[in-house]
Amino acid sequence: MKVAIYVDAGLNNFGDDLNRWLWSRILDRPLNIDDGILMLGIGTLISRGFVPPARKYIVLGSGTGYDAPPADFGGPKWEILSVRGPLTAAVLDLPPETAVVDASVLVRLLPECEPLPASERHGIVFMPHYETLALGNWRQASEMAGFEFLDPLADSEQTVQRIRGAKLVIADAMHAAIVADALRVPWIPVVISPVSNSFKWMDWTLSLNLPYRPVQLQASTLLESLRNRSYCFYGPKLFFERRTVPQAIEHYKRIVRLKSWKHWPRWKWRAFQLTYLVPERIIKSAPLRPFKTRRDEHQTYCAARQLLQVAEMPSYLSDEDLFMSKLEQTTALLQNLAN
């Protein structure tokens, strides 16, 4: 069986990279045999723009949130064992019982991922979404706050162990929060940019009866601020503040309608040029370079102060009994892969 791994520009971010090793460890056998069966596991993989051709598809714990599902989704080629949460089940017209939990909770099955007692955990770690790395200065902001920066593109096995040993996880990357919750490490959700997908966060938190009330962080650099302000003109705003289930579903449907608009690719490129690329060239020009440097230093300092404030806020952790029931459900579904 092949395990589907979403790769953006050749980079494996933390959540997607878990697929690279977690499934073979849990099932105790390699999953790299191309037998025409493609499994959609950890990640927001149920997307028309992602899923490659296959003889059969198996979905276990994956979700949607960026695009419409494949045209033949739910047909004879699809075996839906479970999806990430109730929002995915609702928009894909699946039975409510298929909404179990994100498959990355399976890290809890590994012996080396047994939760540590609080007395053996130390330090606060912070992981941003990987798309913030190009324009943000979050590593420096995190270090200025005295926190450990977790690179979302670093080796995911090592990152899991650092999360396991942390006292608190501050997460813009959703799977940092999911792994923290699975390993019983308190976590706090934050939002850095409009690309943070509220639909998929709510999909997961609803599966564990948790609220989703992220802290919105200010931009850490001038260019990041420009991107955050201009993004609404050339990209669907994935973060939304209204958090009821019907509003979340309607927001997802608007994104799907926008991406299906035949003029969207051309509009997106032109809007990106006018609202981001042109101002970027001006900001990076020689006359404005000293201003940009001073502004970046100030914004990074303010971002560090805000991270310190976030660390003092109430943290999240799902109910242990509910979590274990979801883990047991997902573990039972593994028998469909082990045969």
C-alpha atoms as a PDB file:
ATOM      1  CA  MET A   1       0.000   0.000   0.000  1.00  0.00           C
ATOM      2  CA  LYS A   2       1.199   3.518  -0.754  1.00  0.00           C
ATOM      3  CA  VAL A   3       0.697   6.193   1.872  1.00  0.00           C
ATOM      4  CA  ALA A   4      -0.254   9.583   0.440  1.00  0.00           C
ATOM      5  CA  ILE A   5       2.042  12.342   1.662  1.00  0.00           C
ATOM      6  CA  TYR A   6       1.314  15.919   0.695  1.00  0.00           C
ATOM      7  CA  VAL A   7       4.482  17.750  -0.360  1.00  0.00           C
ATOM      8  CA  ASP A   8       4.483  21.498  -1.001  1.00  0.00           C
ATOM      9  CA  ALA A   9       7.374  22.703  -3.175  1.00  0.00           C
ATOM     10  CA  GLY A  10       9.410  19.673  -2.141  1.00  0.00           C
ATOM     11  CA  LEU A  11       9.101  20.449   1.587  1.00  0.00           C
ATOM     12  CA  ASN A  12       7.591  18.021   4.090  1.00  0.00           C
ATOM     13  CA  ASN A  13       6.007  19.948   6.921  1.00  0.00           C
ATOM     14  CA  PHE A  14       5.557  18.398  10.356  1.00  0.00           C
ATOM     15  CA  GLY A  15       2.052  16.944  10.071  1.00  0.00           C
ATOM     16  CA  ASP A  16       2.502  15.540   6.586  1.00  0.00           C
ATOM     17  CA  ASP A  17       5.948  14.163   7.392  1.00  0.00           C
ATOM     18  CA  LEU A  18       4.485  11.954  10.130  1.00  0.00           C
ATOM     19  CA  ASN A  19       3.132   9.739   7.336  1.00  0.00           C
ATOM     20  CA  ARG A  20       6.699   8.989   6.293  1.00  0.00           C
ATOM     21  CA  TRP A  21       7.414   6.776   9.304  1.00  0.00           C
ATOM     22  CA  LEU A  22       4.407   6.474  11.648  1.00  0.00           C
ATOM     23  CA  TRP A  23       2.300   3.991   9.656  1.00  0.00           C
ATOM     24  CA  SER A  24       5.100   1.495   9.054  1.00  0.00           C
ATOM     25  CA  ARG A  25       6.069   1.677  12.743  1.00  0.00           C
ATOM     26  CA  ILE A  26       2.525   1.038  13.949  1.00  0.00           C
ATOM     27  CA  LEU A  27       1.771  -1.760  11.487  1.00  0.00           C
ATOM     28  CA  ASP A  28       5.303  -3.167  11.761  1.00  0.00           C
ATOM     29  CA  ARG A  29       5.735  -3.469   8.016  1.00  0.00           C
ATOM     30  CA  PRO A  30       6.693  -1.182   5.128  1.00  0.00           C
ATOM     31  CA  LEU A  31       3.924   0.565   3.225  1.00  0.00           C
ATOM     32  CA  ASN A  32       5.827   1.430   0.077  1.00  0.00           C
ATOM     33  CA  ILE A  33       4.568  -1.295  -2.248  1.00  0.00           C
ATOM     34  CA  ASP A  34       2.793   0.171  -5.259  1.00  0.00           C
ATOM     35  CA  ASP A  35      -0.185  -2.158  -5.559  1.00  0.00           C
ATOM     36  CA  GLY A  36      -2.570   0.470  -6.832  1.00  0.00           C
ATOM     37  CA  ILE A  37      -4.013   1.234  -3.388  1.00  0.00           C
ATOM     38  CA  LEU A  38      -3.502   4.730  -2.025  1.00  0.00           C
ATOM     39  CA  MET A  39      -4.167   5.573   1.616  1.00  0.00           C
ATOM     40  CA  LEU A  40      -5.031   9.090   2.700  1.00  0.00           C
ATOM     41  CA  GLY A  41      -3.900   9.342   6.294  1.00  0.00           C
ATOM     42  CA  ILE A  42      -2.531  12.293   8.230  1.00  0.00           C
ATOM     43  CA  GLY A  43      -3.223  15.674   6.703  1.00  0.00           C
ATOM     44  CA  THR A  44      -5.820  17.635   4.785  1.00  0.00           C
ATOM     45  CA  LEU A  45      -5.586  15.275   1.847  1.00  0.00           C
ATOM     46  CA  ILE A  46      -9.154  14.883   0.587  1.00  0.00           C
ATOM     47  CA  SER A  47      -8.738  17.444  -2.150  1.00  0.00           C
ATOM     48  CA  ARG A  48      -9.410  17.452  -5.872  1.00  0.00           C
ATOM     49  CA  GLY A  49      -6.092  19.125  -6.557  1.00  0.00           C
ATOM     50  CA  PHE A  50      -4.044  16.556  -4.662  1.00  0.00           C
ATOM     51  CA  VAL A  51      -5.279  12.992  -4.991  1.00  0.00           C
ATOM     52  CA  PRO A  52      -3.407  11.134  -7.789  1.00  0.00           C
ATOM     53  CA  PRO A  53      -4.965   8.274  -9.802  1.00  0.00           C
ATOM     54  CA  ALA A  54      -5.238   4.906  -8.035  1.00  0.00           C
ATOM     55  CA  ARG A  55      -7.133   1.655  -8.291  1.00  0.00           C
ATOM     56  CA  LYS A  56      -8.503   2.069  -4.778  1.00  0.00           C
ATOM     57  CA  TYR A  57      -8.451   4.691  -2.046  1.00  0.00           C
ATOM     58  CA  ILE A  58      -8.572   4.142   1.715  1.00  0.00           C
ATOM     59  CA  VAL A  59      -9.255   7.098   4.011  1.00  0.00           C
ATOM     60  CA  LEU A  60      -8.227   6.838   7.658  1.00  0.00           C
ATOM     61  CA  GLY A  61      -8.244  10.015   9.702  1.00  0.00           C
ATOM     62  CA  SER A  62      -7.692  12.470   6.871  1.00  0.00           C
ATOM     63  CA  GLY A  63      -9.704  15.628   6.319  1.00  0.00           C
ATOM     64  CA  THR A  64     -10.715  18.308   3.859  1.00  0.00           C
ATOM     65  CA  GLY A  65     -10.635  22.093   4.065  1.00  0.00           C
ATOM     66  CA  TYR A  66      -8.739  23.578   1.124  1.00  0.00           C
ATOM     67  CA  ASP A  67     -10.651  22.451  -1.944  1.00  0.00           C
ATOM     68  CA  ALA A  68     -13.511  20.318  -3.214  1.00  0.00           C
ATOM     69  CA  PRO A  69     -13.102  16.533  -2.917  1.00  0.00           C
ATOM     70  CA  PRO A  70     -12.178  14.443  -5.970  1.00  0.00           C
ATOM     71  CA  ALA A  71     -15.036  14.137  -8.467  1.00  0.00           C
ATOM     72  CA  ASP A  72     -15.485  10.406  -7.804  1.00  0.00           C
ATOM     73  CA  PHE A  73     -15.194  10.690  -4.016  1.00  0.00           C
ATOM     74  CA  GLY A  74     -17.456   8.207  -2.240  1.00  0.00           C
ATOM     75  CA  GLY A  75     -17.729   5.965  -5.272  1.00  0.00           C
ATOM     76  CA  PRO A  76     -16.801   2.270  -5.588  1.00  0.00           C
ATOM     77  CA  LYS A  77     -13.065   3.027  -5.479  1.00  0.00           C
ATOM     78  CA  TRP A  78     -13.302   4.683  -2.068  1.00  0.00           C
ATOM     79  CA  GLU A  79     -13.247   2.972   1.321  1.00  0.00           C
ATOM     80  CA  ILE A  80     -13.912   5.544   4.052  1.00  0.00           C
ATOM     81  CA  LEU A  81     -12.792   4.126   7.394  1.00  0.00           C
ATOM     82  CA  SER A  82     -12.764   7.460   9.229  1.00  0.00           C
ATOM     83  CA  VAL A  83     -12.211  11.171   8.738  1.00  0.00           C
ATOM     84  CA  ARG A  84     -10.690  13.839  10.950  1.00  0.00           C
ATOM     85  CA  GLY A  85     -13.853  15.329  12.373  1.00  0.00           C
ATOM     86  CA  PRO A  86     -17.508  16.308  12.039  1.00  0.00           C
ATOM     87  CA  LEU A  87     -16.936  19.219   9.645  1.00  0.00           C
ATOM     88  CA  THR A  88     -15.231  16.965   7.096  1.00  0.00           C
ATOM     89  CA  ALA A  89     -18.019  14.403   7.491  1.00  0.00           C
ATOM     90  CA  ALA A  90     -20.689  17.083   7.024  1.00  0.00           C
ATOM     91  CA  VAL A  91     -19.330  18.707   3.861  1.00  0.00           C
ATOM     92  CA  LEU A  92     -18.574  15.314   2.283  1.00  0.00           C
ATOM     93  CA  ASP A  93     -22.025  13.902   3.138  1.00  0.00           C
ATOM     94  CA  LEU A  94     -20.563  11.076   5.214  1.00  0.00           C
ATOM     95  CA  PRO A  95     -22.285   9.357   8.155  1.00  0.00           C
ATOM     96  CA  PRO A  96     -21.556  11.119  11.473  1.00  0.00           C
ATOM     97  CA  GLU A  97     -19.923   7.957  12.850  1.00  0.00           C
ATOM     98  CA  THR A  98     -17.070   8.308  10.337  1.00  0.00           C
ATOM     99  CA  ALA A  99     -15.968  11.480  12.151  1.00  0.00           C
ATOM    100  CA  VAL A 100     -13.473  10.001  14.602  1.00  0.00           C
ATOM    101  CA  VAL A 101     -10.263  12.014  14.990  1.00  0.00           C
ATOM    102  CA  ASP A 102      -7.078  13.013  13.175  1.00  0.00           C
ATOM    103  CA  ALA A 103      -4.931   9.948  12.528  1.00  0.00           C
ATOM    104  CA  SER A 104      -1.808  11.519  14.027  1.00  0.00           C
ATOM    105  CA  VAL A 105      -3.148  10.600  17.498  1.00  0.00           C
ATOM    106  CA  LEU A 106      -1.687   7.172  16.717  1.00  0.00           C
ATOM    107  CA  VAL A 107       1.706   8.414  17.910  1.00  0.00           C
ATOM    108  CA  ARG A 108       0.367   7.545  21.362  1.00  0.00           C
ATOM    109  CA  LEU A 109       0.696   3.829  20.470  1.00  0.00           C
ATOM    110  CA  LEU A 110       4.483   4.024  20.207  1.00  0.00           C
ATOM    111  CA  PRO A 111       6.354   2.902  23.349  1.00  0.00           C
ATOM    112  CA  GLU A 112       8.721   5.867  23.147  1.00  0.00           C
ATOM    113  CA  CYS A 113       5.724   8.229  23.089  1.00  0.00           C
ATOM    114  CA  GLU A 114       4.253   7.243  26.429  1.00  0.00           C
ATOM    115  CA  PRO A 115       3.309  10.540  28.122  1.00  0.00           C
ATOM    116  CA  LEU A 116       5.822  11.860  30.633  1.00  0.00           C
ATOM    117  CA  PRO A 117       4.841  12.994  34.120  1.00  0.00           C
ATOM    118  CA  ALA A 118       4.704  16.779  34.474  1.00  0.00           C
ATOM    119  CA  SER A 119       7.765  16.704  36.742  1.00  0.00           C
ATOM    120  CA  GLU A 120       9.896  15.378  33.852  1.00  0.00           C
ATOM    121  CA  ARG A 121       8.762  17.946  31.287  1.00  0.00           C
ATOM    122  CA  HIS A 122      10.479  21.288  30.838  1.00  0.00           C
ATOM    123  CA  GLY A 123      10.376  24.419  28.731  1.00  0.00           C
ATOM    124  CA  ILE A 124       7.887  26.034  26.374  1.00  0.00           C
ATOM    125  CA  VAL A 125       8.044  25.251  22.667  1.00  0.00           C
ATOM    126  CA  PHE A 126       6.541  27.178  19.772  1.00  0.00           C
ATOM    127  CA  MET A 127       5.757  25.910  16.270  1.00  0.00           C
ATOM    128  CA  PRO A 128       4.441  28.217  13.532  1.00  0.00           C
ATOM    129  CA  HIS A 129       2.781  27.047  10.322  1.00  0.00           C
ATOM    130  CA  TYR A 130       5.468  26.290   7.742  1.00  0.00           C
ATOM    131  CA  GLU A 131       4.139  28.966   5.360  1.00  0.00           C
ATOM    132  CA  THR A 132       5.123  31.686   7.848  1.00  0.00           C
ATOM    133  CA  LEU A 133       8.822  30.852   7.584  1.00  0.00           C
ATOM    134  CA  ALA A 134       9.532  32.746   4.348  1.00  0.00           C
ATOM    135  CA  LEU A 135       8.420  36.182   5.543  1.00  0.00           C
ATOM    136  CA  GLY A 136       8.269  35.949   9.336  1.00  0.00           C
ATOM    137  CA  ASN A 137      10.994  36.207  11.947  1.00  0.00           C
ATOM    138  CA  TRP A 138       9.424  33.784  14.386  1.00  0.00           C
ATOM    139  CA  ARG A 139      12.573  31.897  15.303  1.00  0.00           C
ATOM    140  CA  GLN A 140      14.130  35.067  16.695  1.00  0.00           C
ATOM    141  CA  ALA A 141      10.857  36.143  18.338  1.00  0.00           C
ATOM    142  CA  SER A 142      10.564  32.734  20.001  1.00  0.00           C
ATOM    143  CA  GLU A 143      14.148  32.829  21.248  1.00  0.00           C
ATOM    144  CA  MET A 144      13.721  36.390  22.522  1.00  0.00           C
ATOM    145  CA  ALA A 145      10.758  35.151  24.558  1.00  0.00           C
ATOM    146  CA  GLY A 146      12.887  32.353  26.000  1.00  0.00           C
ATOM    147  CA  PHE A 147      11.000  29.607  24.171  1.00  0.00           C
ATOM    148  CA  GLU A 148      12.337  26.829  21.991  1.00  0.00           C
ATOM    149  CA  PHE A 149      11.501  27.252  18.317  1.00  0.00           C
ATOM    150  CA  LEU A 150      10.262  24.079  16.646  1.00  0.00           C
ATOM    151  CA  ASP A 151      10.945  24.182  12.920  1.00  0.00           C
ATOM    152  CA  PRO A 152       7.876  22.717  11.147  1.00  0.00           C
ATOM    153  CA  LEU A 153      10.206  21.446   8.403  1.00  0.00           C
ATOM    154  CA  ALA A 154      12.630  19.662  10.731  1.00  0.00           C
ATOM    155  CA  ASP A 155      12.758  15.890  11.254  1.00  0.00           C
ATOM    156  CA  SER A 156       9.305  15.007  12.572  1.00  0.00           C
ATOM    157  CA  GLU A 157      10.463  12.066  14.739  1.00  0.00           C
ATOM    158  CA  GLN A 158      12.774  14.315  16.735  1.00  0.00           C
ATOM    159  CA  THR A 159      10.114  17.010  16.913  1.00  0.00           C
ATOM    160  CA  VAL A 160       7.594  14.556  18.397  1.00  0.00           C
ATOM    161  CA  GLN A 161      10.051  13.757  21.170  1.00  0.00           C
ATOM    162  CA  ARG A 162      10.647  17.431  21.936  1.00  0.00           C
ATOM    163  CA  ILE A 163       6.896  18.025  22.134  1.00  0.00           C
ATOM    164  CA  ARG A 164       6.637  15.033  24.481  1.00  0.00           C
ATOM    165  CA  GLY A 165       9.187  16.586  26.816  1.00  0.00           C
ATOM    166  CA  ALA A 166       7.734  20.112  26.790  1.00  0.00           C
ATOM    167  CA  LYS A 167       5.810  21.788  29.583  1.00  0.00           C
ATOM    168  CA  LEU A 168       3.656  23.752  27.111  1.00  0.00           C
ATOM    169  CA  VAL A 169       3.216  23.886  23.335  1.00  0.00           C
ATOM    170  CA  ILE A 170       2.200  27.106  21.563  1.00  0.00           C
ATOM    171  CA  ALA A 171       0.985  26.081  18.126  1.00  0.00           C
ATOM    172  CA  ASP A 172       0.120  27.820  14.892  1.00  0.00           C
ATOM    173  CA  ALA A 173       0.759  24.448  13.205  1.00  0.00           C
ATOM    174  CA  MET A 174      -2.278  22.274  13.933  1.00  0.00           C
ATOM    175  CA  HIS A 175      -0.438  18.953  14.129  1.00  0.00           C
ATOM    176  CA  ALA A 176       1.871  20.325  16.805  1.00  0.00           C
ATOM    177  CA  ALA A 177      -1.259  20.789  18.917  1.00  0.00           C
ATOM    178  CA  ILE A 178      -2.666  17.362  17.963  1.00  0.00           C
ATOM    179  CA  VAL A 179       0.542  15.559  18.908  1.00  0.00           C
ATOM    180  CA  ALA A 180       0.823  17.581  22.113  1.00  0.00           C
ATOM    181  CA  ASP A 181      -2.736  16.645  23.069  1.00  0.00           C
ATOM    182  CA  ALA A 182      -2.084  12.981  22.288  1.00  0.00           C
ATOM    183  CA  LEU A 183       0.987  13.014  24.526  1.00  0.00           C
ATOM    184  CA  ARG A 184      -0.915  14.879  27.263  1.00  0.00           C
ATOM    185  CA  VAL A 185       1.099  18.095  26.933  1.00  0.00           C
ATOM    186  CA  PRO A 186      -0.966  21.294  27.398  1.00  0.00           C
ATOM    187  CA  TRP A 187      -1.179  23.485  24.296  1.00  0.00           C
ATOM    188  CA  ILE A 188      -2.396  26.927  23.236  1.00  0.00           C
ATOM    189  CA  PRO A 189      -3.546  27.691  19.662  1.00  0.00           C
ATOM    190  CA  VAL A 190      -2.385  30.868  17.922  1.00  0.00           C
ATOM    191  CA  VAL A 191      -2.947  32.377  14.479  1.00  0.00           C
ATOM    192  CA  ILE A 192      -0.191  34.177  12.622  1.00  0.00           C
ATOM    193  CA  SER A 193      -1.658  34.707   9.174  1.00  0.00           C
ATOM    194  CA  PRO A 194      -4.776  34.374   6.994  1.00  0.00           C
ATOM    195  CA  VAL A 195      -3.459  31.021   5.691  1.00  0.00           C
ATOM    196  CA  SER A 196      -4.187  29.418   9.066  1.00  0.00           C
ATOM    197  CA  ASN A 197      -7.132  27.155   8.242  1.00  0.00           C
ATOM    198  CA  SER A 198      -9.892  27.564  10.842  1.00  0.00           C
ATOM    199  CA  PHE A 199     -12.038  24.887   9.194  1.00  0.00           C
ATOM    200  CA  LYS A 200      -9.516  22.111   9.741  1.00  0.00           C
ATOM    201  CA  TRP A 201      -8.683  23.283  13.268  1.00  0.00           C
ATOM    202  CA  MET A 202     -12.380  23.269  14.181  1.00  0.00           C
ATOM    203  CA  ASP A 203     -12.795  19.902  12.480  1.00  0.00           C
ATOM    204  CA  TRP A 204     -10.245  18.396  14.862  1.00  0.00           C
ATOM    205  CA  THR A 205     -11.179  20.280  18.047  1.00  0.00           C
ATOM    206  CA  LEU A 206     -14.861  19.413  17.597  1.00  0.00           C
ATOM    207  CA  SER A 207     -13.912  15.737  17.372  1.00  0.00           C
ATOM    208  CA  LEU A 208     -12.643  16.031  20.969  1.00  0.00           C
ATOM    209  CA  ASN A 209     -15.304  18.425  22.246  1.00  0.00           C
ATOM    210  CA  LEU A 210     -12.810  21.245  22.541  1.00  0.00           C
ATOM    211  CA  PRO A 211     -13.368  24.926  21.698  1.00  0.00           C
ATOM    212  CA  TYR A 212     -11.172  26.677  19.161  1.00  0.00           C
ATOM    213  CA  ARG A 213     -10.320  30.155  20.408  1.00  0.00           C
ATOM    214  CA  PRO A 214      -6.889  30.990  19.016  1.00  0.00           C
ATOM    215  CA  VAL A 215      -4.885  34.060  19.964  1.00  0.00           C
ATOM    216  CA  GLN A 216      -4.177  36.235  16.924  1.00  0.00           C
ATOM    217  CA  LEU A 217      -0.509  37.215  16.815  1.00  0.00           C
ATOM    218  CA  GLN A 218       0.722  40.340  15.116  1.00  0.00           C
ATOM    219  CA  ALA A 219       3.175  40.078  12.229  1.00  0.00           C
ATOM    220  CA  SER A 220       6.842  39.691  13.140  1.00  0.00           C
ATOM    221  CA  THR A 221       8.229  41.600  10.104  1.00  0.00           C
ATOM    222  CA  LEU A 222       7.129  44.343   7.731  1.00  0.00           C
ATOM    223  CA  LEU A 223       6.797  41.988   4.761  1.00  0.00           C
ATOM    224  CA  GLU A 224       4.776  39.543   6.823  1.00  0.00           C
ATOM    225  CA  SER A 225       2.456  42.397   7.742  1.00  0.00           C
ATOM    226  CA  LEU A 226       2.139  43.301   4.044  1.00  0.00           C
ATOM    227  CA  ARG A 227       1.297  39.700   3.178  1.00  0.00           C
ATOM    228  CA  ASN A 228      -1.314  39.451   5.925  1.00  0.00           C
ATOM    229  CA  ARG A 229      -3.018  42.666   4.801  1.00  0.00           C
ATOM    230  CA  SER A 230      -2.902  41.953   1.049  1.00  0.00           C
ATOM    231  CA  TYR A 231      -3.743  38.239   1.130  1.00  0.00           C
ATOM    232  CA  CYS A 232      -7.510  38.814   0.999  1.00  0.00           C
ATOM    233  CA  PHE A 233      -7.104  40.154  -2.559  1.00  0.00           C
ATOM    234  CA  TYR A 234      -5.301  37.119  -4.030  1.00  0.00           C
ATOM    235  CA  GLY A 235      -6.060  34.166  -1.767  1.00  0.00           C
ATOM    236  CA  PRO A 236      -9.079  32.724   0.014  1.00  0.00           C
ATOM    237  CA  LYS A 237      -8.935  33.783   3.664  1.00  0.00           C
ATOM    238  CA  LEU A 238      -8.745  30.474   5.500  1.00  0.00           C
ATOM    239  CA  PHE A 239      -8.885  31.993   8.970  1.00  0.00           C
ATOM    240  CA  PHE A 240     -12.268  33.218  10.164  1.00  0.00           C
ATOM    241  CA  GLU A 241     -13.398  34.519  13.519  1.00  0.00           C
ATOM    242  CA  ARG A 242     -17.003  33.258  13.383  1.00  0.00           C
ATOM    243  CA  ARG A 243     -16.829  29.770  14.778  1.00  0.00           C
ATOM    244  CA  THR A 244     -20.260  28.136  14.669  1.00  0.00           C
ATOM    245  CA  VAL A 245     -20.557  24.897  12.734  1.00  0.00           C
ATOM    246  CA  PRO A 246     -22.954  26.263  10.060  1.00  0.00           C
ATOM    247  CA  GLN A 247     -20.695  29.285   9.520  1.00  0.00           C
ATOM    248  CA  ALA A 248     -17.632  27.074   9.194  1.00  0.00           C
ATOM    249  CA  ILE A 249     -19.361  24.892   6.613  1.00  0.00           C
ATOM    250  CA  GLU A 250     -20.558  27.917   4.629  1.00  0.00           C
ATOM    251  CA  HIS A 251     -17.046  29.393   4.716  1.00  0.00           C
ATOM    252  CA  TYR A 252     -15.631  26.175   3.263  1.00  0.00           C
ATOM    253  CA  LYS A 253     -18.262  26.186   0.511  1.00  0.00           C
ATOM    254  CA  ARG A 254     -17.354  29.769  -0.396  1.00  0.00           C
ATOM    255  CA  ILE A 255     -13.713  28.746  -0.753  1.00  0.00           C
ATOM    256  CA  VAL A 256     -14.706  25.874  -3.049  1.00  0.00           C
ATOM    257  CA  ARG A 257     -16.879  28.194  -5.164  1.00  0.00           C
ATOM    258  CA  LEU A 258     -14.089  30.755  -5.426  1.00  0.00           C
ATOM    259  CA  LYS A 259     -11.529  28.184  -6.547  1.00  0.00           C
ATOM    260  CA  SER A 260     -13.950  26.799  -9.131  1.00  0.00           C
ATOM    261  CA  TRP A 261     -14.439  30.262 -10.709  1.00  0.00           C
ATOM    262  CA  LYS A 262     -12.869  30.054 -14.165  1.00  0.00           C
ATOM    263  CA  HIS A 263     -11.194  33.459 -13.846  1.00  0.00           C
ATOM    264  CA  TRP A 264      -9.712  32.728 -10.410  1.00  0.00           C
ATOM    265  CA  PRO A 265      -6.148  31.767 -11.516  1.00  0.00           C
ATOM    266  CA  ARG A 266      -5.771  34.909 -13.624  1.00  0.00           C
ATOM    267  CA  TRP A 267      -7.332  37.148 -10.977  1.00  0.00           C
ATOM    268  CA  LYS A 268      -5.151  35.625  -8.272  1.00  0.00           C
ATOM    269  CA  TRP A 269      -1.922  36.288 -10.161  1.00  0.00           C
ATOM    270  CA  ARG A 270      -2.825  39.860 -11.146  1.00  0.00           C
ATOM    271  CA  ALA A 271      -3.995  40.703  -7.639  1.00  0.00           C
ATOM    272  CA  PHE A 272      -0.824  39.184  -6.169  1.00  0.00           C
ATOM    273  CA  GLN A 273       1.300  41.366  -8.434  1.00  0.00           C
ATOM    274  CA  LEU A 274      -0.546  44.573  -7.618  1.00  0.00           C
ATOM    275  CA  THR A 275      -1.141  44.145  -3.897  1.00  0.00           C
ATOM    276  CA  TYR A 276       2.008  42.288  -2.832  1.00  0.00           C
ATOM    277  CA  LEU A 277       4.817  42.154  -5.404  1.00  0.00           C
ATOM    278  CA  VAL A 278       4.801  45.860  -6.272  1.00  0.00           C
ATOM    279  CA  PRO A 279       4.735  47.044  -2.614  1.00  0.00           C
ATOM    280  CA  GLU A 280       7.369  44.415  -1.774  1.00  0.00           C
ATOM    281  CA  ARG A 281       9.777  45.866  -4.344  1.00  0.00           C
ATOM    282  CA  ILE A 282       9.236  49.331  -2.899  1.00  0.00           C
ATOM    283  CA  ILE A 283       9.779  48.179   0.682  1.00  0.00           C
ATOM    284  CA  LYS A 284      12.962  46.278  -0.268  1.00  0.00           C
ATOM    285  CA  SER A 285      14.386  49.177  -2.300  1.00  0.00           C
ATOM    286  CA  ALA A 286      17.627  50.779  -1.159  1.00  0.00           C
ATOM    287  CA  PRO A 287      16.087  54.045   0.106  1.00  0.00           C
ATOM    288  CA  LEU A 288      13.665  52.180   2.384  1.00  0.00           C
ATOM    289  CA  ARG A 289      16.113  49.531   3.585  1.00  0.00           C
ATOM    290  CA  PRO A 290      17.004  51.305   6.870  1.00  0.00           C
ATOM    291  CA  PHE A 291      13.296  51.834   7.619  1.00  0.00           C
ATOM    292  CA  LYS A 292      12.563  48.167   6.894  1.00  0.00           C
ATOM    293  CA  THR A 293      15.366  47.052   9.220  1.00  0.00           C
ATOM    294  CA  ARG A 294      14.132  49.236  12.090  1.00  0.00           C
ATOM    295  CA  ARG A 295      10.549  48.167  11.532  1.00  0.00           C
ATOM    296  CA  ASP A 296      11.463  44.467  11.469  1.00  0.00           C
ATOM    297  CA  GLU A 297      13.380  44.788  14.722  1.00  0.00           C
ATOM    298  CA  HIS A 298      10.435  46.518  16.393  1.00  0.00           C
ATOM    299  CA  GLN A 299       7.850  44.041  15.132  1.00  0.00           C
ATOM    300  CA  THR A 300       9.970  41.039  16.135  1.00  0.00           C
ATOM    301  CA  TYR A 301      10.352  42.488  19.632  1.00  0.00           C
ATOM    302  CA  CYS A 302       6.579  43.048  19.896  1.00  0.00           C
ATOM    303  CA  ALA A 303       5.922  39.506  18.636  1.00  0.00           C
ATOM    304  CA  ALA A 304       8.210  38.140  21.359  1.00  0.00           C
ATOM    305  CA  ARG A 305       6.338  40.112  24.010  1.00  0.00           C
ATOM    306  CA  GLN A 306       3.042  38.789  22.734  1.00  0.00           C
ATOM    307  CA  LEU A 307       4.312  35.200  22.856  1.00  0.00           C
ATOM    308  CA  LEU A 308       5.191  35.748  26.508  1.00  0.00           C
ATOM    309  CA  GLN A 309       1.638  36.940  27.144  1.00  0.00           C
ATOM    310  CA  VAL A 310       0.197  33.905  25.337  1.00  0.00           C
ATOM    311  CA  ALA A 311       2.168  31.541  27.569  1.00  0.00           C
ATOM    312  CA  GLU A 312       0.324  32.950  30.598  1.00  0.00           C
ATOM    313  CA  MET A 313      -3.113  32.209  29.138  1.00  0.00           C
ATOM    314  CA  PRO A 314      -5.222  29.126  29.926  1.00  0.00           C
ATOM    315  CA  SER A 315      -4.056  26.076  28.016  1.00  0.00           C
ATOM    316  CA  TYR A 316      -6.016  23.290  26.331  1.00  0.00           C
ATOM    317  CA  LEU A 317      -6.095  19.522  26.857  1.00  0.00           C
ATOM    318  CA  SER A 318      -8.817  17.097  25.825  1.00  0.00           C
ATOM    319  CA  ASP A 319     -10.591  14.854  28.302  1.00  0.00           C
ATOM    320  CA  GLU A 320      -8.490  11.727  28.835  1.00  0.00           C
ATOM    321  CA  ASP A 321     -11.401   9.289  28.636  1.00  0.00           C
ATOM    322  CA  LEU A 322     -12.745  10.854  25.438  1.00  0.00           C
ATOM    323  CA  PHE A 323      -9.282  10.926  23.892  1.00  0.00           C
ATOM    324  CA  MET A 324      -8.681   7.266  24.721  1.00  0.00           C
ATOM    325  CA  SER A 325     -12.021   6.276  23.212  1.00  0.00           C
ATOM    326  CA  LYS A 326     -11.088   8.057  19.972  1.00  0.00           C
ATOM    327  CA  LEU A 327      -7.668   6.419  19.983  1.00  0.00           C
ATOM    328  CA  GLU A 328      -9.256   3.007  20.510  1.00  0.00           C
ATOM    329  CA  GLN A 329     -11.654   3.599  17.616  1.00  0.00           C
ATOM    330  CA  THR A 330      -8.800   4.559  15.307  1.00  0.00           C
ATOM    331  CA  THR A 331      -6.690   1.630  16.491  1.00  0.00           C
ATOM    332  CA  ALA A 332      -9.531  -0.790  15.756  1.00  0.00           C
ATOM    333  CA  LEU A 333      -9.732   0.577  12.202  1.00  0.00           C
ATOM    334  CA  LEU A 334      -6.060  -0.263  11.693  1.00  0.00           C
ATOM    335  CA  GLN A 335      -7.116  -3.902  11.321  1.00  0.00           C
ATOM    336  CA  ASN A 336      -8.403  -2.953   7.888  1.00  0.00           C
ATOM    337  CA  LEU A 337      -4.833  -2.066   6.916  1.00  0.00           C
ATOM    338  CA  ALA A 338      -3.063  -4.890   8.698  1.00  0.00           C
ATOM    339  CA  ASN A 339      -4.832  -7.647   6.763  1.00  0.00           C
END
